[in-house]
Structures are given as C-alpha cells and as structure tokens.
Protein backbone atom coordinates (compact mmCIF):
# COMPACT_ATOMS: atom_id res chain seq x y z
CA UNK A 1 61.90 179.94 29.06
CA UNK A 2 60.61 177.30 26.63
CA UNK A 3 64.08 175.69 26.40
CA UNK A 4 64.39 175.66 30.18
CA UNK A 5 60.96 174.03 30.53
CA UNK A 6 61.87 171.51 27.83
CA UNK A 7 65.10 170.68 29.62
CA UNK A 8 63.28 170.20 32.95
CA UNK A 9 60.66 167.95 31.34
CA UNK A 10 63.35 165.84 29.66
CA UNK A 11 65.21 165.43 32.96
CA UNK A 12 61.95 164.48 34.64
CA UNK A 13 61.19 161.84 31.98
CA UNK A 14 64.75 160.47 32.21
CA UNK A 15 64.58 160.29 35.99
CA UNK A 16 61.15 158.64 35.78
CA UNK A 17 62.59 155.99 33.44
CA UNK A 18 65.35 155.31 35.97
CA UNK A 19 63.02 155.15 38.99
CA UNK A 20 60.19 153.16 37.41
CA UNK A 21 62.38 150.65 35.51
CA UNK A 22 65.50 150.48 37.66
CA UNK A 23 66.89 147.17 36.43
CA UNK A 24 66.12 147.80 32.75
CA UNK A 25 67.61 151.28 32.87
CA UNK A 26 70.67 150.15 34.81
CA UNK A 27 71.40 147.38 32.31
CA UNK A 28 70.91 149.83 29.46
CA UNK A 29 73.28 152.33 31.06
CA UNK A 30 75.85 149.65 31.87
CA UNK A 31 77.58 149.89 28.48
CA UNK A 32 78.01 153.65 28.77
CA UNK A 33 79.13 153.28 32.39
CA UNK A 34 81.74 150.64 31.47
CA UNK A 35 83.05 152.77 28.60
CA UNK A 36 83.34 155.91 30.73
CA UNK A 37 84.80 153.86 33.60
CA UNK A 38 87.48 152.29 31.36
CA UNK A 39 88.58 155.51 29.71
CA UNK A 40 88.53 157.41 33.03
CA UNK A 41 90.57 154.65 34.69
CA UNK A 42 93.09 154.72 31.84
CA UNK A 43 93.27 158.52 32.09
CA UNK A 44 93.79 158.34 35.86
CA UNK A 45 96.57 155.75 35.65
CA UNK A 46 98.30 157.23 32.60
CA UNK A 47 98.17 160.84 33.85
CA UNK A 48 99.27 159.90 37.37
CA UNK A 49 102.14 157.69 36.18
CA UNK A 50 103.26 160.32 33.67
CA UNK A 51 103.15 163.08 36.30
CA UNK A 52 105.02 160.84 38.73
CA UNK A 53 107.72 160.08 36.17
CA UNK A 54 108.03 163.72 35.14
CA UNK A 55 108.35 164.75 38.81
CA UNK A 56 111.32 162.40 39.14
CA UNK A 57 113.10 164.47 36.45
CA UNK A 58 112.30 167.83 38.06
CA UNK A 59 115.80 168.15 39.51
CA UNK A 60 117.16 167.93 35.95
CA UNK A 61 116.66 171.23 34.15
CA UNK A 62 115.97 171.23 30.43
CA UNK A 63 119.00 173.49 29.86
CA UNK A 64 121.50 170.79 30.90
CA UNK A 65 123.45 168.48 28.57
CA UNK A 66 124.70 165.06 29.68
CA UNK A 67 127.88 163.84 27.98
CA UNK A 68 128.07 160.06 28.27
CA UNK A 69 129.33 156.95 26.58
CA UNK A 70 125.85 155.73 25.63
CA UNK A 71 123.05 157.71 23.97
CA UNK A 72 119.59 157.81 25.52
CA UNK A 73 118.01 157.09 22.15
CA UNK A 74 119.49 154.76 19.53
CA UNK A 75 119.52 155.23 15.78
CA UNK A 76 119.01 152.37 13.37
CA UNK A 77 122.24 152.98 11.47
CA UNK A 78 124.69 152.67 14.37
CA UNK A 79 125.50 149.11 15.62
CA UNK A 80 125.56 148.71 19.41
CA UNK A 81 129.08 147.28 19.40
CA UNK A 82 130.44 150.63 18.25
CA UNK A 83 128.98 152.25 21.35
CA UNK A 84 130.56 149.51 23.44
CA UNK A 85 134.04 150.47 22.17
CA UNK A 86 133.71 154.06 23.41
CA UNK A 87 135.59 155.35 26.45
CA UNK A 88 133.79 156.57 29.55
CA UNK A 89 134.11 160.31 30.31
CA UNK A 90 136.67 161.02 33.05
CA UNK A 91 137.34 163.77 35.58
CA UNK A 92 140.23 164.95 33.40
CA UNK A 93 137.89 165.14 30.38
CA UNK A 94 135.54 167.26 32.46
CA UNK A 95 138.25 169.70 33.51
CA UNK A 96 139.64 170.00 29.98
CA UNK A 97 136.19 170.59 28.51
CA UNK A 98 135.23 173.16 31.16
CA UNK A 99 138.28 175.27 30.33
CA UNK A 100 137.29 175.38 26.64
CA UNK A 101 133.56 176.12 26.78
CA UNK A 102 132.40 179.74 26.51
CA UNK A 103 128.61 179.23 26.43
CA UNK A 104 128.37 177.07 29.57
CA UNK A 105 127.31 178.39 32.96
CA UNK A 106 128.66 175.37 34.86
CA UNK A 107 130.36 172.05 34.09
CA UNK A 108 130.25 169.18 36.59
CA UNK A 109 131.22 165.51 36.79
CA UNK A 110 129.41 162.49 38.18
CA UNK A 111 130.53 158.89 38.70
CA UNK A 112 127.77 156.66 40.01
CA UNK A 113 127.38 153.13 41.38
CA UNK A 114 125.43 150.96 43.84
CA UNK A 115 127.05 150.19 47.20
CA UNK A 116 126.27 148.75 50.62
CA UNK A 117 126.35 151.23 53.52
CA UNK A 118 126.80 150.36 57.18
CA UNK A 119 126.68 152.25 60.46
CA UNK A 120 127.07 150.14 63.59
CA UNK A 121 124.62 147.26 63.30
CA UNK A 122 122.53 148.99 60.61
CA UNK A 123 123.06 148.23 56.93
CA UNK A 124 121.58 149.44 53.63
CA UNK A 125 122.29 147.39 50.48
CA UNK A 126 122.27 148.73 46.92
CA UNK A 127 122.28 152.44 47.68
CA UNK A 128 123.11 154.80 44.76
CA UNK A 129 126.41 156.55 45.54
CA UNK A 130 127.67 159.36 43.33
CA UNK A 131 131.16 160.85 43.33
CA UNK A 132 130.56 164.41 42.10
CA UNK A 133 132.54 167.60 41.63
CA UNK A 134 132.03 170.47 44.09
CA UNK A 135 129.86 172.54 41.72
CA UNK A 136 127.36 169.71 41.18
CA UNK A 137 124.63 171.77 42.87
CA UNK A 138 125.03 174.45 40.16
CA UNK A 139 123.83 171.95 37.57
CA UNK A 140 121.44 169.72 39.54
CA UNK A 141 118.73 171.13 41.82
CA UNK A 142 119.48 169.91 45.35
CA UNK A 143 117.18 170.70 48.30
CA UNK A 144 119.41 170.66 51.38
CA UNK A 145 117.48 170.34 54.65
CA UNK A 146 120.31 170.68 57.16
CA UNK A 147 124.08 170.94 57.01
CA UNK A 148 126.04 171.95 53.92
CA UNK A 149 127.47 170.75 50.63
CA UNK A 150 131.16 169.94 50.34
CA UNK A 151 133.35 172.83 49.22
CA UNK A 152 136.11 173.15 46.63
CA UNK A 153 138.82 172.37 49.16
CA UNK A 154 137.14 169.12 50.21
CA UNK A 155 136.63 168.21 46.56
CA UNK A 156 140.26 168.91 45.70
CA UNK A 157 141.53 166.75 48.56
CA UNK A 158 138.97 163.97 48.20
CA UNK A 159 137.83 164.47 51.79
CA UNK A 160 135.84 161.67 53.43
CA UNK A 161 132.61 163.62 53.70
CA UNK A 162 129.15 163.01 52.26
CA UNK A 163 125.71 164.50 51.70
CA UNK A 164 123.02 161.87 52.20
CA UNK A 165 119.30 161.47 51.56
CA UNK A 166 116.62 161.55 54.22
CA UNK A 167 115.90 157.80 54.06
CA UNK A 168 119.60 156.96 54.38
CA UNK A 169 119.80 159.02 57.58
CA UNK A 170 116.75 157.27 59.05
CA UNK A 171 117.79 153.72 58.19
CA UNK A 172 121.46 154.06 59.15
CA UNK A 173 121.18 156.26 62.22
CA UNK A 174 117.50 156.14 63.21
CA UNK A 175 117.20 159.91 63.05
CA UNK A 176 116.89 162.66 60.45
CA UNK A 177 119.50 164.70 62.35
CA UNK A 178 122.59 162.68 61.52
CA UNK A 179 125.11 165.51 61.03
CA UNK A 180 128.59 164.57 62.22
CA UNK A 181 127.80 160.85 62.31
CA UNK A 182 129.85 158.37 60.28
CA UNK A 183 129.06 155.40 58.08
CA UNK A 184 131.19 152.97 56.09
CA UNK A 185 131.41 152.19 52.37
CA UNK A 186 133.80 149.35 51.45
CA UNK A 187 135.48 149.79 54.84
CA UNK A 188 136.03 153.56 54.42
CA UNK A 189 134.54 155.77 57.16
CA UNK A 190 132.72 158.84 55.85
CA UNK A 191 131.31 161.77 57.83
CA UNK A 192 127.84 163.16 57.14
CA UNK A 193 127.97 166.93 56.53
CA UNK A 194 124.56 167.46 54.89
CA UNK A 195 121.12 165.86 54.61
CA UNK A 196 118.72 166.43 51.73
CA UNK A 197 115.02 167.26 52.02
CA UNK A 198 112.60 164.34 51.98
CA UNK A 199 111.08 164.04 48.51
CA UNK A 200 109.21 160.75 48.57
CA UNK A 201 109.61 157.76 46.29
CA UNK A 202 108.42 157.56 42.70
CA UNK A 203 107.30 154.51 40.75
CA UNK A 204 110.80 154.14 39.28
CA UNK A 205 113.08 154.89 42.25
CA UNK A 206 113.38 156.27 45.75
CA UNK A 207 114.66 159.54 44.27
CA UNK A 208 117.11 161.54 46.35
CA UNK A 209 115.87 160.00 49.63
CA UNK A 210 118.13 156.98 49.08
CA UNK A 211 121.15 158.74 47.68
CA UNK A 212 124.71 159.52 48.80
CA UNK A 213 127.11 162.10 47.32
CA UNK A 214 130.85 162.22 47.98
CA UNK A 215 133.65 164.35 46.45
CA UNK A 216 134.71 163.24 42.97
CA UNK A 217 138.31 162.54 43.97
CA UNK A 218 137.11 160.21 46.72
CA UNK A 219 135.38 158.16 44.02
CA UNK A 220 138.47 156.13 43.00
CA UNK A 221 138.48 154.65 46.54
CA UNK A 222 135.19 152.89 45.65
CA UNK A 223 135.04 152.77 41.86
CA UNK A 224 137.20 150.93 39.38
CA UNK A 225 137.83 154.09 37.31
CA UNK A 226 139.23 152.08 34.40
CA UNK A 227 136.14 149.86 34.09
CA UNK A 228 133.40 152.11 35.50
CA UNK A 229 130.10 152.51 33.61
CA UNK A 230 127.76 155.49 33.61
CA UNK A 231 130.19 158.37 34.09
CA UNK A 232 128.63 161.69 33.12
CA UNK A 233 129.82 165.22 32.38
CA UNK A 234 126.99 167.68 33.01
CA UNK A 235 126.97 171.03 31.21
CA UNK A 236 124.50 173.80 32.07
CA UNK A 237 123.78 176.46 29.47
CA UNK A 238 124.27 180.15 30.23
CA UNK A 239 121.10 182.22 30.43
CA UNK A 240 120.30 183.86 27.13
CA UNK A 241 122.40 181.43 25.10
CA UNK A 242 120.94 179.02 22.54
CA UNK A 243 120.97 175.35 23.48
CA UNK A 244 121.82 174.36 19.92
CA UNK A 245 124.84 176.70 19.95
CA UNK A 246 126.09 175.17 23.20
CA UNK A 247 125.53 171.65 21.86
CA UNK A 248 127.60 172.46 18.77
CA UNK A 249 130.34 173.92 20.96
CA UNK A 250 130.33 170.84 23.22
CA UNK A 251 130.69 168.50 20.25
CA UNK A 252 133.45 170.59 18.70
CA UNK A 253 135.46 171.07 21.89
CA UNK A 254 135.01 167.56 23.27
CA UNK A 255 136.15 166.06 19.97
CA UNK A 256 139.28 168.17 20.44
CA UNK A 257 139.66 167.00 24.05
CA UNK A 258 139.28 163.39 22.94
CA UNK A 259 141.50 164.03 19.88
CA UNK A 260 138.93 162.58 17.51
CA UNK A 261 140.11 162.86 13.91
CA UNK A 262 137.95 165.00 11.56
CA UNK A 263 136.68 162.06 9.52
CA UNK A 264 135.91 159.83 12.54
CA UNK A 265 132.53 159.64 14.23
CA UNK A 266 132.04 161.03 17.75
CA UNK A 267 133.11 158.64 20.50
CA UNK A 268 130.63 160.15 22.98
CA UNK A 269 126.94 161.09 23.17
CA UNK A 270 125.41 164.44 24.08
CA UNK A 271 122.05 163.75 25.71
CA UNK A 272 119.24 166.07 26.80
CA UNK A 273 116.40 165.52 29.25
CA UNK A 274 113.79 166.17 26.57
CA UNK A 275 114.95 162.95 24.86
CA UNK A 276 113.60 161.03 27.86
CA UNK A 277 110.48 163.13 28.41
CA UNK A 278 109.48 162.95 24.75
CA UNK A 279 109.93 159.16 24.83
CA UNK A 280 107.80 158.96 27.99
CA UNK A 281 105.11 161.11 26.37
CA UNK A 282 105.14 158.86 23.31
CA UNK A 283 104.75 155.71 25.40
CA UNK A 284 101.88 157.09 27.45
CA UNK A 285 100.18 158.43 24.33
CA UNK A 286 100.17 154.91 22.89
CA UNK A 287 98.79 153.51 26.16
CA UNK A 288 96.05 156.14 26.11
CA UNK A 289 95.17 155.26 22.51
CA UNK A 290 94.83 151.62 23.57
CA UNK A 291 92.49 152.68 26.37
CA UNK A 292 90.39 154.67 23.90
CA UNK A 293 90.21 151.62 21.58
CA UNK A 294 88.80 149.44 24.38
CA UNK A 295 86.46 152.14 25.68
CA UNK A 296 84.96 152.92 22.27
CA UNK A 297 83.63 149.38 21.91
CA UNK A 298 82.07 149.54 25.38
CA UNK A 299 80.52 152.92 24.59
CA UNK A 300 79.12 151.63 21.28
CA UNK A 301 77.44 148.77 23.15
CA UNK A 302 76.11 151.36 25.57
CA UNK A 303 74.77 153.46 22.70
CA UNK A 304 72.82 150.46 21.35
CA UNK A 305 71.40 149.89 24.84
CA UNK A 306 70.35 153.53 25.18
CA UNK A 307 68.80 153.44 21.71
CA UNK A 308 66.79 150.40 22.76
CA UNK A 309 65.51 151.99 25.95
CA UNK A 310 64.63 155.18 24.07
CA UNK A 311 62.56 153.20 21.52
CA UNK A 312 60.75 151.61 24.47
CA UNK A 313 60.21 155.06 25.96
CA UNK A 314 58.82 156.35 22.63
CA UNK A 315 56.38 153.43 22.49
CA UNK A 316 55.25 153.91 26.07
CA UNK A 317 54.61 157.63 25.51
CA UNK A 318 53.00 157.42 22.06
CA UNK A 319 49.65 158.81 23.29
CA UNK A 320 51.44 161.65 25.12
CA UNK A 321 53.30 162.49 21.89
CA UNK A 322 49.99 162.56 20.00
CA UNK A 323 48.41 164.86 22.62
CA UNK A 324 51.44 167.20 22.53
CA UNK A 325 51.23 167.44 18.74
CA UNK A 326 47.46 167.96 18.83
CA UNK A 327 48.03 170.88 21.21
CA UNK A 328 50.46 172.47 18.75
CA UNK A 329 53.83 171.01 19.65
CA UNK A 330 56.17 171.03 16.66
CA UNK A 331 58.12 168.00 15.47
CA UNK A 332 61.35 169.79 16.44
CA UNK A 333 60.05 170.12 20.02
CA UNK A 334 59.40 166.36 20.23
CA UNK A 335 62.78 165.64 18.63
CA UNK A 336 64.70 167.80 21.09
CA UNK A 337 62.70 166.45 24.02
CA UNK A 338 63.77 162.87 23.36
CA UNK A 339 67.36 163.87 22.53
CA UNK A 340 67.60 165.67 25.87
CA UNK A 341 66.25 162.58 27.60
CA UNK A 342 68.82 160.33 25.86
CA UNK A 343 71.63 162.72 26.77
CA UNK A 344 70.42 162.90 30.38
CA UNK A 345 70.48 159.09 30.65
CA UNK A 346 74.05 158.96 29.31
CA UNK A 347 75.17 161.75 31.65
CA UNK A 348 73.63 159.85 34.59
CA UNK A 349 75.67 156.81 33.50
CA UNK A 350 78.84 158.92 33.24
CA UNK A 351 78.30 160.37 36.72
CA UNK A 352 77.88 156.88 38.19
CA UNK A 353 81.06 155.75 36.40
CA UNK A 354 83.03 158.76 37.69
CA UNK A 355 81.77 158.14 41.24
CA UNK A 356 82.92 154.51 40.94
CA UNK A 357 86.33 155.68 39.71
CA UNK A 358 86.71 158.13 42.60
CA UNK A 359 85.81 155.39 45.08
CA UNK A 360 88.33 153.00 43.51
CA UNK A 361 91.03 155.70 43.52
CA UNK A 362 90.32 156.41 47.19
CA UNK A 363 90.89 152.73 48.03
CA UNK A 364 94.08 152.46 45.93
CA UNK A 365 95.57 155.66 47.38
CA UNK A 366 94.86 154.45 50.92
CA UNK A 367 96.98 151.35 50.24
CA UNK A 368 99.99 153.60 49.42
CA UNK A 369 101.47 151.89 46.35
CA UNK A 370 103.99 154.68 45.77
CA UNK A 371 101.78 156.52 43.25
CA UNK A 372 98.97 158.98 43.91
CA UNK A 373 96.10 158.44 41.46
CA UNK A 374 93.67 161.22 40.52
CA UNK A 375 91.29 162.24 37.75
CA UNK A 376 91.86 165.80 36.58
CA UNK A 377 88.92 168.19 35.93
CA UNK A 378 89.98 168.19 32.28
CA UNK A 379 89.50 164.42 32.09
CA UNK A 380 86.13 164.70 33.87
CA UNK A 381 85.01 167.21 31.22
CA UNK A 382 86.11 164.76 28.50
CA UNK A 383 84.07 161.98 30.14
CA UNK A 384 80.96 164.18 30.32
CA UNK A 385 81.51 165.27 26.70
CA UNK A 386 81.69 161.61 25.62
CA UNK A 387 78.43 160.97 27.47
CA UNK A 388 76.72 163.91 25.72
CA UNK A 389 77.92 162.77 22.29
CA UNK A 390 76.86 159.18 23.07
CA UNK A 391 73.42 160.46 24.07
CA UNK A 392 73.06 162.35 20.80
CA UNK A 393 74.12 159.35 18.73
CA UNK A 394 71.95 156.89 20.68
CA UNK A 395 68.88 159.11 20.79
CA UNK A 396 68.73 160.42 17.23
CA UNK A 397 66.85 157.42 15.71
CA UNK A 398 64.18 157.12 18.48
CA UNK A 399 63.76 160.91 18.58
CA UNK A 400 63.22 161.06 14.80
CA UNK A 401 60.65 158.26 14.96
CA UNK A 402 58.78 160.14 17.70
CA UNK A 403 58.96 163.46 15.84
CA UNK A 404 57.56 161.94 12.61
CA UNK A 405 54.50 160.36 14.27
CA UNK A 406 51.15 161.63 12.89
CA UNK A 407 49.24 163.05 15.91
CA UNK A 408 45.95 161.26 15.14
CA UNK A 409 47.60 157.85 14.72
CA UNK A 410 49.68 158.39 17.84
CA UNK A 411 46.59 159.21 19.97
CA UNK A 412 44.81 156.06 18.74
CA UNK A 413 47.65 153.69 19.68
CA UNK A 414 47.42 151.81 22.95
C-alpha cells in the first residue's frame, strides 16, 4: 500500500509541475519528446519498409535455388569481367539439368524482359513479361483469381496464350474479367487464359499486378535468345532433403551439363533468397543504428532538461521535504518519490511523442505513397522503456540531493 501511495503522490507532483508550469515543463520535456519521436519514426519507417520488401519476396520460397549468370552477392576475389564472359542459362540447360537431379521436387525455366503491350487503343509500356515453363507454378507461388495456367501441351507447342496480372487486365481491357480477350506484344496476338489475384504494389515494384507470363517456347518470338540477360533456372528442393545437399548436386550436375573442366571455375551462380533477405536485414540494421545515434543525442539533451526541472522542483518543495523527514519519512522514501516523479515526466513526454508519431503516420497513410507505415507494440514498449531509463538517469542527482537534506535545515529554508 505504501508503494502505491508513493506512486500516486509522485504522479500527482509530476502532473502539478506540468499544469502549474506548462511552458517550462514543455520545454524541459522537449528533448525527451524529440528523442522518442526520432527513434519511433525511424522504427516506423524501417520496420514498414523492411516488411514491405519482405512481402515482395513472399512468392519466392526459401527452399528454391536460382541458377543464373550473375550472383546476387559479389566476392572481392572475382573480377566482374569474368562474370560477364559467362553464358546465360537456356531452356536446353534446364531440361538437361532436370533429368539429372534426384533431390529436386521441381525444375523450371524463366526468361524475362520488359515489353510494351497493346489492346485496341490501350497501351502499357515497360511491362515485365516472362516466358516460363509449364511447371513454373510448382516453384513460384501464384495466386490465380480466374481462368487457368497454361498446360504442358501449350508449353510444348509455344501456344499464344498468357496469364496476366490484375492491373494489366484493368489497363488494357478496362475490366478484371478479361478471359478470352487478346492483346499484342511486338505485333503477336496473345489470348488471356488466366488472371492473377490483386496483390498491391510495393515500394520496389508493382509485384504480380503488372506481370505477364507466356509459355517458354513462345519466348523466342520476343526475346533475342542469343543475347538475352536474366535467364533463370529455378530448382525447388524436395521435402525432407537438405538444401546444402541439393546445392552440391546442382553444382556437380550443372558443371557436367555445361561441360566445365574439373580445374575450371563454375560458369554459373547458384543463388538463394536468403542472400537477398540477409542483405536487406543488414541494410536496415545499419539505418536503425543511425537512427539510434541521432536519437541518443536528443535524449541526452532531454535528460539534462529533466534534471534541471527536477532540481527546481526539489528547491520549491524543500520545506515539504523537511516536514516529511520530521514526520519520520526515510531518505529512501524521498529518493524514490523524486525518481518516480522524474520517470513520470519522461513517460508523459514519450506518450506525447508517440501520439505525434501516430498522427503523422495517419496523415502519411492517407496520402497512399505505396507503403503502409505503423509502429508495432514492441517498438512502443521500447520507447516507454527508453523514457523510464531516461527518467532514472535524469532524476538520480536531484533525488539524491533531496534525500540527503537535513530535516531542520530544509524546514528553515524559504
């Protein structure tokens, strides 16, 4: 009960300081508010951007390997011009590799480029178009809304059919129900047989909403297969098999497919999605550290301000301290009372900062910039924890000075 009463009294004193000396208290809390505001804003932006980026990779499972000409991460001991001399993976490479792998669940091929689409008077420039093998959906997660994917027969014949994204259907045909309609790519008419679910754009791309897939053997009608860039063989691991074992098998068998001599280096790269996600995590970690660096200085300024206001509070309540001690209050009671008050002031500042952040996020989200900002409960708890620690640090010196006051001298002071 004593601790509860002490806590209530400290809150009352803190609130009194805010109400009676509004401007002085606000200016004293400003440093803490700015520090909490900065770190919360950094958390909101970093977490939201990271989540948005990670969501854009959701269709790529972490049990899929991507065999490409270029690696996703570069080593220091391999000159770039050696990568440039490599050959792009081909459909034949994909078929030869698939027949040799024993630990793979599915092997697919993708050839990708940017093209202009047209349907009547409507046009869409720079739309990603991928020529993929029929089992592409076994490797990449595709959410089909209506229609179907092309089958093995259509893949084998290079049929002029396509699966398109939701935004492509709207902009070319003015409707989400565009099954059976036709559009042109480089003068070739293609029929729509499937439309993907709407996913929404991310900060890096429009995702699958602006995307077109056609059979792999139709690809040579659009692509210069001898000079194409970005071809990919996708290999999905069997359930229960080790990824490292499959990676070793891919390297061994693809070297055989490419007829790479034993002493020569690989002329291909085996990439994994965790290479990208780990790099993203590293980048955002560094950004977060930068935010902490800025916020710490603001919080330190705030701590000095809180210390100042607490010394003023100690001076204003010197007679009260003397009376409390004369009535039997221990030094520890006075110490804790002022520490609670300092913490309460910092927590008030943190709450104001968090309210300002929420208001700012509400405005930004209403503008629709392609990213949804939010502050997670975990980050809110960190902000409140910072405020509590700041209150302890800022209040320790004034609280000690109050606790050490002789009761007689304190009662005599004006």
